[in-house]
Amino acid sequence: MTVRVSKPEQKNNQKVQKASYRILNWKEYNRALIQRGSLTFWFEESVVLAWYNQEKNGKQGADDYYSDTAIGCGLMVREVFHLGLRQTQGFVSSLITLMGFSLECPHYTTFCRRQQGLTLPLTRERAAEALHVVVDSTGLKVYGEGEWKVRQHGYSKRRTWRKLHIALDQATHEVLAVEFTTNACGDSEAFEPLINAIEEPLAQISGDGAYDTWNAYAVAHARGARLVVPPQDNAILQDPDFILWETPLRDEYVRDIEQMGKSAWKIQEGYHRRSLAETAMFRLKTLFGDRLDNRNFDHQKTEALIRCVAMNKMTQLGMPLSYQTF
């Protein structure tokens, strides 16, 4: 299988050549794509044993009857198959019946109530060496009108969305960390908690121009990573009378861009790998849609996290390996 991707336009108006990418593991990747739609279900023994809550929270009132494992299992099914809460209860109940387990399915109201504050680990492979991380954000709709109607007739209703910030491993395409904020939060504001949520050592962090802030350089420096972010078009060298410890790296970028141009600088620094984050956002919206089903902010945060956990599991089934041909 061959995928064609156009190169950026040349300044000398020459005819644009198209680079071809040939997939090496098409047979395995094709099998992984088929497996993503498989309806084969199984419950691991550890999940069955942890279905009910065995711990006492020590708070006033009754303890939770079902564990976070059971709630997370049902909500994962809901996101993957685009079900409502009532349909989720019926789906999970039928699975338990078909497998012959003596388990009870949580009520749909329990799924709704317990998703607030639910935390699930981002299952992923642990790397033995320092990671190259790419960061980006995207908007997820809460309510409002569609793009076509707004483009043709303008908007007449209030539109609201949330921002999902992710950190992606450029080698495995797995989501390493997630931050969920309102649309008022800038990318640079979510950068620090996003990076600090990654436990492994970091070698490089790549992002777009929204992360060109001194705080982002400080956070990357504290983690021992090289931050690759294009400076603003009007960027200048730092004043010698006011030298910050982060300045040399950014000044190095400014000098290199002045000498070789931004396109050559991006190739030199491997900046184009940052586009993998945009690809991950496209995959996330293709799999689960670009709209959130919940209206409560804490519920929306859990919904976005579960989508990333599910996408990691699909990624682990298999990804294409390709090389460039001309």
Protein backbone atom coordinates (compact mmCIF):
# COMPACT_ATOMS: atom_id res chain seq x y z
CA MET A 1 0.00 0.00 0.00
CA THR A 2 1.35 3.45 -0.91
CA VAL A 3 0.32 6.75 0.67
CA ARG A 4 1.18 10.01 -1.10
CA VAL A 5 1.81 13.19 0.86
CA SER A 6 2.56 16.52 -0.81
CA LYS A 7 5.67 18.45 0.20
CA PRO A 8 5.57 22.14 1.13
CA GLU A 9 5.60 24.53 -1.82
CA GLN A 10 8.99 25.70 -3.05
CA LYS A 11 9.77 29.41 -3.07
CA ASN A 12 11.07 29.31 -6.64
CA ASN A 13 7.63 28.23 -7.92
CA GLN A 14 9.01 24.96 -9.24
CA LYS A 15 6.67 22.05 -9.73
CA VAL A 16 5.91 20.44 -6.38
CA GLN A 17 7.06 16.84 -6.16
CA LYS A 18 5.15 14.32 -4.14
CA ALA A 19 6.94 11.95 -1.81
CA SER A 20 5.66 8.39 -1.62
CA TYR A 21 5.54 6.40 1.60
CA ARG A 22 5.41 2.62 1.43
CA ILE A 23 4.11 0.65 4.41
CA LEU A 24 6.40 -2.21 5.41
CA ASN A 25 4.05 -4.11 7.74
CA TRP A 26 0.79 -3.79 5.82
CA LYS A 27 -0.30 -7.37 6.60
CA GLU A 28 0.10 -6.90 10.37
CA TYR A 29 -1.35 -3.38 10.30
CA ASN A 30 -4.37 -4.54 8.30
CA ARG A 31 -4.95 -7.29 10.85
CA ALA A 32 -4.75 -4.71 13.66
CA LEU A 33 -7.36 -2.50 11.94
CA ILE A 34 -9.71 -5.47 11.68
CA GLN A 35 -9.11 -6.35 15.33
CA ARG A 36 -10.21 -2.86 16.40
CA GLY A 37 -13.74 -3.71 15.32
CA SER A 38 -13.80 -7.15 16.89
CA LEU A 39 -16.72 -7.90 19.22
CA THR A 40 -14.72 -10.49 21.14
CA PHE A 41 -15.05 -9.67 24.84
CA TRP A 42 -13.42 -11.22 27.84
CA PHE A 43 -13.10 -10.29 31.49
CA GLU A 44 -9.71 -10.85 33.04
CA GLU A 45 -9.75 -12.66 36.34
CA SER A 46 -8.32 -9.61 38.07
CA VAL A 47 -11.26 -7.52 36.81
CA VAL A 48 -13.81 -10.07 38.04
CA LEU A 49 -12.17 -10.19 41.47
CA ALA A 50 -12.05 -6.39 41.68
CA TRP A 51 -15.60 -5.82 40.40
CA TYR A 52 -16.96 -4.92 43.83
CA ASN A 53 -15.43 -2.37 46.16
CA GLN A 54 -13.59 -4.03 49.05
CA GLU A 55 -12.18 -0.88 50.63
CA LYS A 56 -13.85 1.37 53.17
CA ASN A 57 -13.55 5.07 52.50
CA GLY A 58 -14.00 6.05 56.14
CA LYS A 59 -16.49 8.76 55.25
CA GLN A 60 -20.04 9.27 56.43
CA GLY A 61 -22.63 7.31 54.48
CA ALA A 62 -22.55 4.05 52.58
CA ASP A 63 -19.39 3.01 50.74
CA ASP A 64 -19.40 2.59 46.98
CA TYR A 65 -20.73 -0.84 46.07
CA TYR A 66 -18.86 -1.09 42.75
CA SER A 67 -15.15 -0.49 42.29
CA ASP A 68 -13.58 2.04 39.96
CA THR A 69 -12.60 -0.93 37.77
CA ALA A 70 -16.25 -1.83 37.15
CA ILE A 71 -17.25 1.79 36.47
CA GLY A 72 -14.29 2.32 34.16
CA CYS A 73 -15.08 -0.87 32.25
CA GLY A 74 -18.65 0.24 31.56
CA LEU A 75 -17.68 3.77 30.58
CA MET A 76 -14.99 2.43 28.23
CA VAL A 77 -17.62 0.34 26.45
CA ARG A 78 -19.84 3.40 26.26
CA GLU A 79 -17.19 5.52 24.52
CA VAL A 80 -16.02 2.86 22.08
CA PHE A 81 -19.51 1.95 20.90
CA HIS A 82 -21.08 5.43 21.23
CA LEU A 83 -23.80 4.32 23.64
CA GLY A 84 -26.06 6.21 25.99
CA LEU A 85 -25.94 5.47 29.70
CA ARG A 86 -29.02 3.26 29.61
CA GLN A 87 -27.72 1.36 26.57
CA THR A 88 -24.41 0.91 28.39
CA GLN A 89 -26.14 -0.79 31.28
CA GLY A 90 -27.96 -3.12 28.90
CA PHE A 91 -24.81 -3.88 26.91
CA VAL A 92 -22.67 -4.73 29.95
CA SER A 93 -25.50 -6.75 31.53
CA SER A 94 -25.81 -8.89 28.39
CA LEU A 95 -22.04 -9.49 28.35
CA ILE A 96 -22.10 -10.66 31.96
CA THR A 97 -25.03 -12.97 31.21
CA LEU A 98 -23.42 -14.47 28.10
CA MET A 99 -20.19 -15.18 29.98
CA GLY A 100 -22.03 -16.78 32.89
CA PHE A 101 -20.56 -14.56 35.60
CA SER A 102 -22.39 -14.05 38.87
CA LEU A 103 -21.84 -10.29 38.73
CA GLU A 104 -24.24 -7.40 38.81
CA CYS A 105 -24.04 -4.56 36.33
CA PRO A 106 -24.05 -1.03 37.79
CA HIS A 107 -27.19 0.99 37.22
CA TYR A 108 -26.94 3.70 34.57
CA THR A 109 -27.38 6.35 37.25
CA THR A 110 -24.38 4.86 39.05
CA PHE A 111 -22.29 5.16 35.89
CA CYS A 112 -23.35 8.80 35.62
CA ARG A 113 -22.65 9.67 39.24
CA ARG A 114 -19.37 7.80 39.63
CA GLN A 115 -17.67 9.16 36.52
CA GLN A 116 -17.08 12.42 38.37
CA GLY A 117 -13.53 12.30 39.67
CA LEU A 118 -12.86 8.83 38.23
CA THR A 119 -9.18 8.33 37.38
CA LEU A 120 -7.91 5.66 35.02
CA PRO A 121 -4.24 4.97 34.19
CA LEU A 122 -3.05 5.63 30.64
CA THR A 123 -1.88 2.12 29.80
CA ARG A 124 1.21 2.33 27.62
CA GLU A 125 4.60 0.81 27.04
CA ARG A 126 7.37 2.03 29.30
CA ALA A 127 10.43 3.22 27.37
CA ALA A 128 13.95 2.31 28.47
CA GLU A 129 15.43 5.55 27.14
CA ALA A 130 14.57 9.24 27.24
CA LEU A 131 11.43 10.16 25.33
CA HIS A 132 10.80 12.56 22.47
CA VAL A 133 7.45 14.14 23.33
CA VAL A 134 5.18 16.20 21.09
CA VAL A 135 2.44 18.38 22.61
CA ASP A 136 -0.68 20.00 21.20
CA SER A 137 -4.30 20.78 22.03
CA THR A 138 -7.68 20.57 20.35
CA GLY A 139 -11.22 21.71 21.01
CA LEU A 140 -14.11 19.40 21.89
CA LYS A 141 -17.63 20.78 21.49
CA VAL A 142 -20.06 20.92 24.35
CA TYR A 143 -22.99 22.50 22.57
CA GLY A 144 -23.56 24.94 19.75
CA GLU A 145 -24.22 25.04 16.04
CA GLY A 146 -22.31 23.24 13.32
CA GLU A 147 -19.59 24.78 11.17
CA TRP A 148 -21.64 24.75 7.96
CA LYS A 149 -24.52 26.71 9.46
CA VAL A 150 -22.17 29.25 11.05
CA ARG A 151 -20.20 29.64 7.83
CA GLN A 152 -23.32 30.19 5.73
CA HIS A 153 -25.57 32.16 8.06
CA GLY A 154 -23.52 33.10 11.10
CA TYR A 155 -24.14 31.87 14.62
CA SER A 156 -27.28 32.61 16.58
CA LYS A 157 -26.66 30.47 19.66
CA ARG A 158 -23.89 30.50 22.21
CA ARG A 159 -21.14 28.03 21.36
CA THR A 160 -19.05 26.38 24.08
CA TRP A 161 -16.17 23.94 23.90
CA ARG A 162 -13.43 22.45 26.06
CA LYS A 163 -9.72 22.08 25.34
CA LEU A 164 -7.93 18.75 25.46
CA HIS A 165 -4.15 18.98 25.83
CA ILE A 166 -2.09 15.85 25.15
CA ALA A 167 1.55 14.82 25.27
CA LEU A 168 2.38 12.11 22.74
CA ASP A 169 5.33 9.74 22.45
CA GLN A 170 6.60 10.29 18.91
CA ALA A 171 8.05 6.75 18.76
CA THR A 172 5.01 4.70 19.82
CA HIS A 173 2.20 7.25 19.08
CA GLU A 174 0.81 6.64 22.58
CA VAL A 175 -0.70 9.36 24.74
CA LEU A 176 1.57 9.95 27.74
CA ALA A 177 -0.37 12.64 29.61
CA VAL A 178 -3.67 14.50 29.37
CA GLU A 179 -4.88 17.88 30.62
CA PHE A 180 -8.50 18.99 30.26
CA THR A 181 -9.35 22.69 30.56
CA THR A 182 -11.88 25.29 29.53
CA ASN A 183 -11.47 27.21 26.29
CA ALA A 184 -10.08 30.16 28.27
CA CYS A 185 -6.89 28.27 29.12
CA GLY A 186 -3.95 28.82 26.76
CA ASP A 187 -1.66 26.05 25.58
CA SER A 188 1.32 27.49 27.48
CA GLU A 189 -0.67 27.50 30.74
CA ALA A 190 -1.37 23.76 30.50
CA PHE A 191 2.21 22.94 29.46
CA GLU A 192 3.72 22.60 32.94
CA PRO A 193 1.19 20.15 34.47
CA LEU A 194 1.14 18.22 31.20
CA ILE A 195 4.91 17.67 31.17
CA ASN A 196 5.22 17.07 34.92
CA ALA A 197 2.68 14.24 34.64
CA ILE A 198 5.23 12.21 32.63
CA GLU A 199 7.47 10.18 34.92
CA GLU A 200 10.04 8.97 32.37
CA PRO A 201 13.11 11.05 31.48
CA LEU A 202 12.65 13.37 28.50
CA ALA A 203 15.12 14.12 25.71
CA GLN A 204 13.12 16.56 23.58
CA ILE A 205 9.76 18.32 23.66
CA SER A 206 8.30 19.69 20.41
CA GLY A 207 5.37 22.07 20.12
CA ASP A 208 4.01 24.85 17.96
CA GLY A 209 4.50 28.58 18.46
CA ALA A 210 1.90 28.73 21.26
CA TYR A 211 4.53 27.25 23.61
CA ASP A 212 7.11 29.98 22.89
CA THR A 213 7.18 31.27 26.48
CA TRP A 214 9.91 31.57 29.10
CA ASN A 215 7.92 29.31 31.44
CA ALA A 216 7.86 26.54 28.84
CA TYR A 217 11.65 26.78 28.45
CA ALA A 218 12.00 26.69 32.24
CA VAL A 219 9.83 23.58 32.56
CA ALA A 220 11.75 21.77 29.81
CA HIS A 221 15.08 22.76 31.34
CA ALA A 222 14.00 21.43 34.74
CA ARG A 223 13.25 18.06 33.11
CA GLY A 224 16.56 18.02 31.25
CA ALA A 225 14.84 18.19 27.86
CA ARG A 226 15.46 20.31 24.77
CA LEU A 227 12.42 22.39 23.89
CA VAL A 228 11.95 22.75 20.13
CA VAL A 229 9.47 25.56 19.53
CA PRO A 230 9.61 28.04 16.63
CA PRO A 231 10.13 31.61 17.89
CA GLN A 232 7.67 34.27 16.84
CA ASP A 233 8.26 35.92 13.47
CA ASN A 234 9.32 39.16 15.14
CA ALA A 235 11.57 37.46 17.72
CA ILE A 236 14.80 39.25 18.61
CA LEU A 237 17.87 38.32 20.63
CA GLN A 238 17.67 38.78 24.37
CA ASP A 239 19.01 42.04 25.83
CA PRO A 240 22.56 41.38 27.18
CA ASP A 241 21.72 43.42 30.29
CA PHE A 242 18.85 41.07 31.09
CA ILE A 243 20.05 37.53 30.52
CA LEU A 244 17.90 34.62 31.59
CA TRP A 245 19.28 31.11 31.84
CA GLU A 246 16.76 30.01 29.18
CA THR A 247 17.95 32.66 26.73
CA PRO A 248 20.83 30.85 24.97
CA LEU A 249 18.63 28.13 23.47
CA ARG A 250 15.99 30.52 22.16
CA ASP A 251 18.66 32.93 20.92
CA GLU A 252 20.25 29.99 19.13
CA TYR A 253 16.97 29.35 17.32
CA VAL A 254 16.62 33.02 16.36
CA ARG A 255 20.15 33.11 14.91
CA ASP A 256 19.70 29.85 13.00
CA ILE A 257 16.41 30.99 11.49
CA GLU A 258 17.99 34.28 10.38
CA GLN A 259 20.84 32.40 8.69
CA MET A 260 19.11 29.41 7.10
CA GLY A 261 15.38 30.23 7.11
CA LYS A 262 12.58 28.69 9.12
CA SER A 263 12.01 25.72 6.76
CA ALA A 264 15.64 24.58 6.99
CA TRP A 265 15.61 25.15 10.76
CA LYS A 266 12.58 22.89 11.16
CA ILE A 267 14.35 20.11 9.26
CA GLN A 268 17.52 20.57 11.30
CA GLU A 269 15.68 20.35 14.63
CA GLY A 270 13.29 17.56 13.58
CA TYR A 271 10.37 19.90 14.22
CA HIS A 272 8.08 18.20 11.69
CA ARG A 273 7.64 15.27 14.06
CA ARG A 274 5.34 17.62 15.98
CA SER A 275 2.66 16.95 13.37
CA LEU A 276 2.18 13.52 14.98
CA ALA A 277 0.22 15.28 17.73
CA GLU A 278 -2.16 16.70 15.13
CA THR A 279 -2.49 13.23 13.63
CA ALA A 280 -3.36 11.86 17.07
CA MET A 281 -6.06 14.52 17.47
CA PHE A 282 -7.49 13.54 14.09
CA ARG A 283 -7.53 9.88 15.09
CA LEU A 284 -9.20 10.71 18.40
CA LYS A 285 -12.00 12.68 16.74
CA THR A 286 -12.42 10.08 13.99
CA LEU A 287 -12.85 7.30 16.57
CA PHE A 288 -15.00 9.08 19.14
CA GLY A 289 -16.31 12.24 17.47
CA ASP A 290 -15.59 15.89 18.18
CA ARG A 291 -18.42 16.44 20.66
CA LEU A 292 -18.66 15.65 24.38
CA ASP A 293 -21.81 13.91 25.61
CA ASN A 294 -21.71 15.14 29.22
CA ARG A 295 -22.57 18.62 30.46
CA ASN A 296 -20.82 18.59 33.85
CA PHE A 297 -17.16 19.67 33.61
CA ASP A 298 -15.82 16.87 35.85
CA HIS A 299 -17.81 14.32 33.85
CA GLN A 300 -16.41 15.76 30.62
CA LYS A 301 -12.88 15.44 31.99
CA THR A 302 -13.41 11.75 32.68
CA GLU A 303 -14.99 11.28 29.25
CA ALA A 304 -11.96 12.79 27.50
CA LEU A 305 -9.54 10.71 29.59
CA ILE A 306 -11.37 7.46 28.79
CA ARG A 307 -11.18 8.27 25.07
CA CYS A 308 -7.41 8.63 25.32
CA VAL A 309 -7.12 5.37 27.29
CA ALA A 310 -9.19 3.56 24.64
CA MET A 311 -7.13 5.06 21.80
CA ASN A 312 -3.92 3.86 23.47
CA LYS A 313 -5.32 0.33 23.57
CA MET A 314 -6.15 0.54 19.85
CA THR A 315 -2.69 1.91 19.10
CA GLN A 316 -1.10 -1.02 20.90
CA LEU A 317 -2.87 -3.43 18.55
CA GLY A 318 -0.60 -2.27 15.73
CA MET A 319 0.56 0.80 13.83
CA PRO A 320 1.98 1.16 10.30
CA LEU A 321 5.72 1.20 9.65
CA SER A 322 6.59 3.18 6.54
CA TYR A 323 9.60 4.53 4.67
CA GLN A 324 9.87 7.30 2.10
CA THR A 325 10.36 6.53 -1.57
CA PHE A 326 10.78 8.86 -4.56
